[in-house]
């Protein structure tokens, strides 16, 4: 049941962020290539999640997400995940105060 909810949410994200469903469908086909029944059920659940939110018109706004800038590891300081989270929180706090 938990997996189905995640796939429904993934279909919702495809709709809200105006993404292509093809990369996710290819990933599903690669991951479960030996289990055609699971592939079909998983793809249908993803599409149902998309159609459910599209039919209810719960979200009137679709967001465009531009491609991310290339990331160069050499130019970034070496930080752990906790340090990066803390830095992000501090940055957001500074933006709110100004």
Protein backbone atom coordinates (compact mmCIF):
# COMPACT_ATOMS: atom_id res chain seq x y z
CA UNK A 1 0.00 0.00 0.00
CA UNK A 2 2.86 2.36 0.84
CA UNK A 3 4.40 1.84 -2.62
CA UNK A 4 1.11 2.64 -4.29
CA UNK A 5 0.84 5.90 -2.36
CA UNK A 6 4.36 6.85 -3.43
CA UNK A 7 3.53 6.17 -7.07
CA UNK A 8 0.33 8.22 -6.83
CA UNK A 9 2.40 11.08 -5.40
CA UNK A 10 4.95 10.64 -8.18
CA UNK A 11 2.14 11.01 -10.72
CA UNK A 12 1.05 14.14 -8.87
CA UNK A 13 4.59 15.57 -9.10
CA UNK A 14 4.67 14.86 -12.83
CA UNK A 15 1.54 16.98 -13.20
CA UNK A 16 2.45 19.85 -10.85
CA UNK A 17 6.02 20.28 -12.05
CA UNK A 18 5.14 19.68 -15.70
CA UNK A 19 7.63 16.83 -16.05
CA UNK A 20 7.86 14.00 -18.53
CA UNK A 21 6.70 10.60 -17.34
CA UNK A 22 9.07 8.79 -19.71
CA UNK A 23 12.20 8.66 -17.48
CA UNK A 24 10.18 7.19 -14.62
CA UNK A 25 8.51 4.65 -16.90
CA UNK A 26 11.92 3.60 -18.30
CA UNK A 27 13.26 3.21 -14.76
CA UNK A 28 10.27 1.05 -13.80
CA UNK A 29 10.75 -1.13 -16.90
CA UNK A 30 14.47 -1.56 -16.17
CA UNK A 31 14.02 -2.31 -12.47
CA UNK A 32 11.24 -4.89 -12.91
CA UNK A 33 12.12 -6.25 -16.38
CA UNK A 34 11.69 -9.86 -15.23
CA UNK A 35 8.25 -9.20 -13.74
CA UNK A 36 5.94 -7.92 -16.50
CA UNK A 37 2.85 -7.92 -14.27
CA UNK A 38 4.53 -5.63 -11.74
CA UNK A 39 5.75 -3.37 -14.55
CA UNK A 40 2.24 -2.96 -15.90
CA UNK A 41 0.67 -2.42 -12.46
CA UNK A 42 3.32 0.12 -11.50
CA UNK A 43 2.95 2.10 -14.73
CA UNK A 44 -0.83 2.13 -14.36
CA UNK A 45 -0.58 3.38 -10.78
CA UNK A 46 1.73 6.20 -11.87
CA UNK A 47 -0.68 7.20 -14.63
CA UNK A 48 -3.65 7.00 -12.26
CA UNK A 49 -1.86 9.40 -9.89
CA UNK A 50 -1.38 11.83 -12.76
CA UNK A 51 -4.96 11.52 -14.00
CA UNK A 52 -6.44 11.71 -10.49
CA UNK A 53 -4.96 15.12 -9.79
CA UNK A 54 -5.61 16.30 -13.33
CA UNK A 55 -9.30 15.34 -13.13
CA UNK A 56 -9.90 16.89 -9.71
CA UNK A 57 -8.22 20.12 -10.79
CA UNK A 58 -6.98 20.51 -7.22
CA UNK A 59 -3.94 22.35 -8.49
CA UNK A 60 -4.47 25.18 -10.94
CA UNK A 61 -0.77 25.99 -11.25
CA UNK A 62 1.85 23.99 -13.09
CA UNK A 63 5.44 24.97 -12.38
CA UNK A 64 8.22 25.02 -14.92
CA UNK A 65 11.52 23.75 -13.57
CA UNK A 66 14.54 24.94 -15.53
CA UNK A 67 17.49 22.58 -15.91
CA UNK A 68 19.94 22.73 -13.04
CA UNK A 69 23.27 24.41 -13.49
CA UNK A 70 26.24 22.13 -13.80
CA UNK A 71 27.83 21.30 -10.50
CA UNK A 72 31.60 21.34 -10.16
CA UNK A 73 32.69 19.48 -7.04
CA UNK A 74 36.14 21.08 -7.15
CA UNK A 75 34.69 24.56 -6.65
CA UNK A 76 32.58 23.60 -3.61
CA UNK A 77 33.94 23.25 -0.08
CA UNK A 78 33.90 19.73 1.33
CA UNK A 79 30.97 19.57 3.78
CA UNK A 80 28.87 16.82 5.31
CA UNK A 81 25.13 16.63 4.78
CA UNK A 82 24.45 18.08 8.24
CA UNK A 83 26.78 21.00 7.57
CA UNK A 84 25.09 21.70 4.24
CA UNK A 85 21.66 21.58 5.89
CA UNK A 86 22.79 24.01 8.57
CA UNK A 87 24.27 26.37 5.99
CA UNK A 88 21.02 26.26 3.99
CA UNK A 89 18.94 27.05 7.08
CA UNK A 90 21.23 29.97 7.96
CA UNK A 91 21.03 31.28 4.40
CA UNK A 92 17.22 31.09 4.40
CA UNK A 93 17.06 32.82 7.76
CA UNK A 94 19.24 35.65 6.47
CA UNK A 95 17.00 36.03 3.41
CA UNK A 96 13.86 36.25 5.58
CA UNK A 97 15.30 38.98 7.82
CA UNK A 98 16.23 41.28 4.94
